[in-house]
Amino acid sequence: MPICYQLIGVPASGKSTWAKSRDWAHLCSYISTDKWIEYLAKETGQTYSQVFAEFMPIAVSLMTKEVQIAHKNGRDIIWDQTSVTAKSRVRKFRMLPEYEHIAVVFKTPEEEEHTRRLHQAGKEIPSHVIQEMIKNFEFPTEQEGFKEIRLIGF
């Protein structure tokens, strides 16, 4: 049974860094809208923040196609999105019903460290948006469909 690792946490909580640091990750399909936004920003000579709003629909479309291809080929998946609410995770379960889902949950860094990470990544996300994500965070549960829940930084 293929595995889908759902990375769960606010922007700059360490999800992408974690995925890139796993020796086995290169064997998985790496699914991320950020990956596509960063690519499109580089191609147009702009920053992530400059292209985010305009390119997000394109990034979602490309990401969805990647999921479909990985699914068709039975590939393990690392799905790197914020996914801070149960509602945001439902789509992943629906798209990959025969997958074993593992939640990988990332602790939100302290404010100063979080700001540093956002700046280092070139992401200008308004603090009220981050605070809303933190406020709405729902811890994943086995009742949602996760076989396992792994905690990072807790």
C-alpha atoms as a PDB file:
ATOM      1  CA  MET A   1       0.000   0.000   0.000  1.00  0.00           C
ATOM      2  CA  PRO A   2       1.505   3.375  -0.967  1.00  0.00           C
ATOM      3  CA  ILE A   3       2.021   6.017   1.710  1.00  0.00           C
ATOM      4  CA  CYS A   4       1.062   9.684   1.749  1.00  0.00           C
ATOM      5  CA  TYR A   5       2.962  11.758   4.291  1.00  0.00           C
ATOM      6  CA  GLN A   6       0.822  14.824   4.957  1.00  0.00           C
ATOM      7  CA  LEU A   7       3.074  17.587   6.309  1.00  0.00           C
ATOM      8  CA  ILE A   8       1.023  19.752   8.669  1.00  0.00           C
ATOM      9  CA  GLY A   9       2.088  23.141  10.030  1.00  0.00           C
ATOM     10  CA  VAL A  10       2.142  26.864   9.409  1.00  0.00           C
ATOM     11  CA  PRO A  11       4.454  28.363   6.764  1.00  0.00           C
ATOM     12  CA  ALA A  12       8.129  28.287   7.855  1.00  0.00           C
ATOM     13  CA  SER A  13       7.562  25.640  10.521  1.00  0.00           C
ATOM     14  CA  GLY A  14      10.112  23.324   8.886  1.00  0.00           C
ATOM     15  CA  LYS A  15       7.992  21.150   6.591  1.00  0.00           C
ATOM     16  CA  SER A  16      10.031  21.601   3.399  1.00  0.00           C
ATOM     17  CA  THR A  17      13.335  21.452   5.254  1.00  0.00           C
ATOM     18  CA  TRP A  18      12.262  18.194   6.901  1.00  0.00           C
ATOM     19  CA  ALA A  19      11.224  16.669   3.566  1.00  0.00           C
ATOM     20  CA  LYS A  20      14.460  17.663   1.871  1.00  0.00           C
ATOM     21  CA  SER A  21      16.542  16.226   4.719  1.00  0.00           C
ATOM     22  CA  ARG A  22      15.076  12.688   4.559  1.00  0.00           C
ATOM     23  CA  ASP A  23      17.405  10.283   2.763  1.00  0.00           C
ATOM     24  CA  TRP A  24      14.421   8.303   1.468  1.00  0.00           C
ATOM     25  CA  ALA A  25      12.421  11.344   0.271  1.00  0.00           C
ATOM     26  CA  HIS A  26      13.897  11.230  -3.238  1.00  0.00           C
ATOM     27  CA  LEU A  27      11.960   7.982  -3.724  1.00  0.00           C
ATOM     28  CA  CYS A  28       8.662   9.826  -3.140  1.00  0.00           C
ATOM     29  CA  SER A  29       6.691  12.254  -5.257  1.00  0.00           C
ATOM     30  CA  TYR A  30       7.119  15.642  -3.581  1.00  0.00           C
ATOM     31  CA  ILE A  31       3.816  17.540  -3.823  1.00  0.00           C
ATOM     32  CA  SER A  32       3.782  21.260  -3.025  1.00  0.00           C
ATOM     33  CA  THR A  33       2.246  24.445  -4.354  1.00  0.00           C
ATOM     34  CA  ASP A  34       5.231  26.360  -2.964  1.00  0.00           C
ATOM     35  CA  LYS A  35       7.562  24.370  -5.203  1.00  0.00           C
ATOM     36  CA  TRP A  36       5.663  25.605  -8.253  1.00  0.00           C
ATOM     37  CA  ILE A  37       5.336  29.189  -7.020  1.00  0.00           C
ATOM     38  CA  GLU A  38       9.086  29.315  -6.355  1.00  0.00           C
ATOM     39  CA  TYR A  39       9.771  27.896  -9.832  1.00  0.00           C
ATOM     40  CA  LEU A  40       7.434  30.374 -11.533  1.00  0.00           C
ATOM     41  CA  ALA A  41       8.913  33.269  -9.528  1.00  0.00           C
ATOM     42  CA  LYS A  42      12.413  32.299 -10.633  1.00  0.00           C
ATOM     43  CA  GLU A  43      11.319  31.947 -14.269  1.00  0.00           C
ATOM     44  CA  THR A  44       9.827  35.463 -14.241  1.00  0.00           C
ATOM     45  CA  GLY A  45      12.638  37.058 -12.225  1.00  0.00           C
ATOM     46  CA  GLN A  46      10.352  37.922  -9.324  1.00  0.00           C
ATOM     47  CA  THR A  47      10.060  36.946  -5.683  1.00  0.00           C
ATOM     48  CA  TYR A  48       7.759  34.375  -4.136  1.00  0.00           C
ATOM     49  CA  SER A  49       5.705  37.132  -2.510  1.00  0.00           C
ATOM     50  CA  GLN A  50       5.394  39.103  -5.765  1.00  0.00           C
ATOM     51  CA  VAL A  51       3.889  36.199  -7.694  1.00  0.00           C
ATOM     52  CA  PHE A  52       1.984  34.352  -4.962  1.00  0.00           C
ATOM     53  CA  ALA A  53      -1.535  35.649  -5.625  1.00  0.00           C
ATOM     54  CA  GLU A  54      -1.272  35.515  -9.417  1.00  0.00           C
ATOM     55  CA  PHE A  55       0.410  32.101  -9.654  1.00  0.00           C
ATOM     56  CA  MET A  56      -1.401  30.193  -6.889  1.00  0.00           C
ATOM     57  CA  PRO A  57      -4.186  28.910  -9.196  1.00  0.00           C
ATOM     58  CA  ILE A  58      -1.547  27.671 -11.664  1.00  0.00           C
ATOM     59  CA  ALA A  59       0.450  26.070  -8.839  1.00  0.00           C
ATOM     60  CA  VAL A  60      -2.666  24.268  -7.549  1.00  0.00           C
ATOM     61  CA  SER A  61      -3.398  22.923 -11.024  1.00  0.00           C
ATOM     62  CA  LEU A  62       0.174  21.688 -11.510  1.00  0.00           C
ATOM     63  CA  MET A  63       0.209  20.163  -8.022  1.00  0.00           C
ATOM     64  CA  THR A  64      -3.066  18.337  -8.692  1.00  0.00           C
ATOM     65  CA  LYS A  65      -1.651  16.879 -11.907  1.00  0.00           C
ATOM     66  CA  GLU A  66       1.399  15.690  -9.979  1.00  0.00           C
ATOM     67  CA  VAL A  67      -0.843  13.945  -7.435  1.00  0.00           C
ATOM     68  CA  GLN A  68      -2.765  12.220 -10.213  1.00  0.00           C
ATOM     69  CA  ILE A  69       0.438  10.977 -11.842  1.00  0.00           C
ATOM     70  CA  ALA A  70       1.882   9.758  -8.526  1.00  0.00           C
ATOM     71  CA  HIS A  71      -1.418   8.036  -7.723  1.00  0.00           C
ATOM     72  CA  LYS A  72      -1.591   6.353 -11.138  1.00  0.00           C
ATOM     73  CA  ASN A  73       1.943   5.032 -10.642  1.00  0.00           C
ATOM     74  CA  GLY A  74       1.398   3.976  -7.004  1.00  0.00           C
ATOM     75  CA  ARG A  75       4.196   6.239  -5.799  1.00  0.00           C
ATOM     76  CA  ASP A  76       4.636   7.237  -2.169  1.00  0.00           C
ATOM     77  CA  ILE A  77       3.902  10.920  -1.678  1.00  0.00           C
ATOM     78  CA  ILE A  78       5.186  13.686   0.558  1.00  0.00           C
ATOM     79  CA  TRP A  79       2.425  16.312   0.477  1.00  0.00           C
ATOM     80  CA  ASP A  80       3.886  19.591   1.709  1.00  0.00           C
ATOM     81  CA  GLN A  81       1.149  22.128   2.456  1.00  0.00           C
ATOM     82  CA  THR A  82      -0.012  23.864   5.599  1.00  0.00           C
ATOM     83  CA  SER A  83      -3.075  21.599   6.032  1.00  0.00           C
ATOM     84  CA  VAL A  84      -3.775  23.078   9.479  1.00  0.00           C
ATOM     85  CA  THR A  85      -7.478  22.150   9.537  1.00  0.00           C
ATOM     86  CA  ALA A  86      -9.237  18.819   9.203  1.00  0.00           C
ATOM     87  CA  LYS A  87     -11.265  20.294   6.345  1.00  0.00           C
ATOM     88  CA  SER A  88      -8.075  21.117   4.416  1.00  0.00           C
ATOM     89  CA  ARG A  89      -6.898  17.517   4.806  1.00  0.00           C
ATOM     90  CA  VAL A  90     -10.142  15.901   3.583  1.00  0.00           C
ATOM     91  CA  ARG A  91      -9.265  16.525  -0.076  1.00  0.00           C
ATOM     92  CA  LYS A  92      -6.026  14.600   0.295  1.00  0.00           C
ATOM     93  CA  PHE A  93      -7.849  11.609   1.745  1.00  0.00           C
ATOM     94  CA  ARG A  94     -10.431  11.770  -1.045  1.00  0.00           C
ATOM     95  CA  MET A  95      -7.807  11.987  -3.785  1.00  0.00           C
ATOM     96  CA  LEU A  96      -5.817   9.074  -2.333  1.00  0.00           C
ATOM     97  CA  PRO A  97      -8.310   6.722  -0.661  1.00  0.00           C
ATOM     98  CA  GLU A  98      -6.187   3.591  -1.027  1.00  0.00           C
ATOM     99  CA  TYR A  99      -3.110   5.242   0.468  1.00  0.00           C
ATOM    100  CA  GLU A 100      -1.895   4.847   4.013  1.00  0.00           C
ATOM    101  CA  HIS A 101      -1.831   8.394   5.416  1.00  0.00           C
ATOM    102  CA  ILE A 102       0.753   9.509   7.946  1.00  0.00           C
ATOM    103  CA  ALA A 103       0.484  12.957   9.533  1.00  0.00           C
ATOM    104  CA  VAL A 104       3.797  14.701  10.145  1.00  0.00           C
ATOM    105  CA  VAL A 105       2.978  17.642  12.429  1.00  0.00           C
ATOM    106  CA  PHE A 106       5.351  20.574  12.875  1.00  0.00           C
ATOM    107  CA  LYS A 107       5.427  22.811  15.922  1.00  0.00           C
ATOM    108  CA  THR A 108       5.112  26.533  15.204  1.00  0.00           C
ATOM    109  CA  PRO A 109       8.452  28.202  16.011  1.00  0.00           C
ATOM    110  CA  GLU A 110       8.682  31.001  18.551  1.00  0.00           C
ATOM    111  CA  GLU A 111       7.823  34.390  16.998  1.00  0.00           C
ATOM    112  CA  GLU A 112      11.384  35.668  16.507  1.00  0.00           C
ATOM    113  CA  GLU A 113      12.584  32.404  14.928  1.00  0.00           C
ATOM    114  CA  HIS A 114       9.444  32.177  12.829  1.00  0.00           C
ATOM    115  CA  THR A 115       9.944  35.706  11.477  1.00  0.00           C
ATOM    116  CA  ARG A 116      13.582  34.880  10.667  1.00  0.00           C
ATOM    117  CA  ARG A 117      12.575  31.727   8.761  1.00  0.00           C
ATOM    118  CA  LEU A 118       9.885  33.535   6.768  1.00  0.00           C
ATOM    119  CA  HIS A 119      12.355  36.267   5.828  1.00  0.00           C
ATOM    120  CA  GLN A 120      15.026  33.699   4.895  1.00  0.00           C
ATOM    121  CA  ALA A 121      12.511  31.907   2.644  1.00  0.00           C
ATOM    122  CA  GLY A 122      11.555  35.206   0.999  1.00  0.00           C
ATOM    123  CA  LYS A 123       7.940  34.890   2.098  1.00  0.00           C
ATOM    124  CA  GLU A 124       6.050  37.989   3.126  1.00  0.00           C
ATOM    125  CA  ILE A 125       2.992  36.596   4.853  1.00  0.00           C
ATOM    126  CA  PRO A 126       1.039  39.112   6.922  1.00  0.00           C
ATOM    127  CA  SER A 127       1.162  38.298  10.635  1.00  0.00           C
ATOM    128  CA  HIS A 128      -2.649  38.263  10.831  1.00  0.00           C
ATOM    129  CA  VAL A 129      -2.696  35.440   8.257  1.00  0.00           C
ATOM    130  CA  ILE A 130      -0.197  33.415  10.301  1.00  0.00           C
ATOM    131  CA  GLN A 131      -2.116  34.152  13.510  1.00  0.00           C
ATOM    132  CA  GLU A 132      -5.345  32.969  11.855  1.00  0.00           C
ATOM    133  CA  MET A 133      -3.651  29.706  10.852  1.00  0.00           C
ATOM    134  CA  ILE A 134      -2.374  29.225  14.395  1.00  0.00           C
ATOM    135  CA  LYS A 135      -5.823  29.982  15.836  1.00  0.00           C
ATOM    136  CA  ASN A 136      -7.552  27.574  13.436  1.00  0.00           C
ATOM    137  CA  PHE A 137      -5.004  24.769  13.824  1.00  0.00           C
ATOM    138  CA  GLU A 138      -6.686  21.405  14.388  1.00  0.00           C
ATOM    139  CA  PHE A 139      -4.450  18.604  15.544  1.00  0.00           C
ATOM    140  CA  PRO A 140      -4.783  15.606  13.191  1.00  0.00           C
ATOM    141  CA  THR A 141      -6.440  12.470  14.538  1.00  0.00           C
ATOM    142  CA  GLU A 142      -6.678   8.816  13.652  1.00  0.00           C
ATOM    143  CA  GLN A 143     -10.439   9.380  13.252  1.00  0.00           C
ATOM    144  CA  GLU A 144      -9.646  11.527  10.201  1.00  0.00           C
ATOM    145  CA  GLY A 145      -7.975   8.513   8.656  1.00  0.00           C
ATOM    146  CA  PHE A 146      -4.343   8.805   9.724  1.00  0.00           C
ATOM    147  CA  LYS A 147      -2.605   5.521  10.446  1.00  0.00           C
ATOM    148  CA  GLU A 148       0.126   7.335  12.336  1.00  0.00           C
ATOM    149  CA  ILE A 149       0.834  10.831  13.665  1.00  0.00           C
ATOM    150  CA  ARG A 150       4.451  11.966  13.961  1.00  0.00           C
ATOM    151  CA  LEU A 151       5.415  15.106  15.882  1.00  0.00           C
ATOM    152  CA  ILE A 152       8.354  17.297  14.861  1.00  0.00           C
ATOM    153  CA  GLY A 153       9.751  19.882  17.286  1.00  0.00           C
ATOM    154  CA  PHE A 154       7.303  19.237  20.122  1.00  0.00           C
END
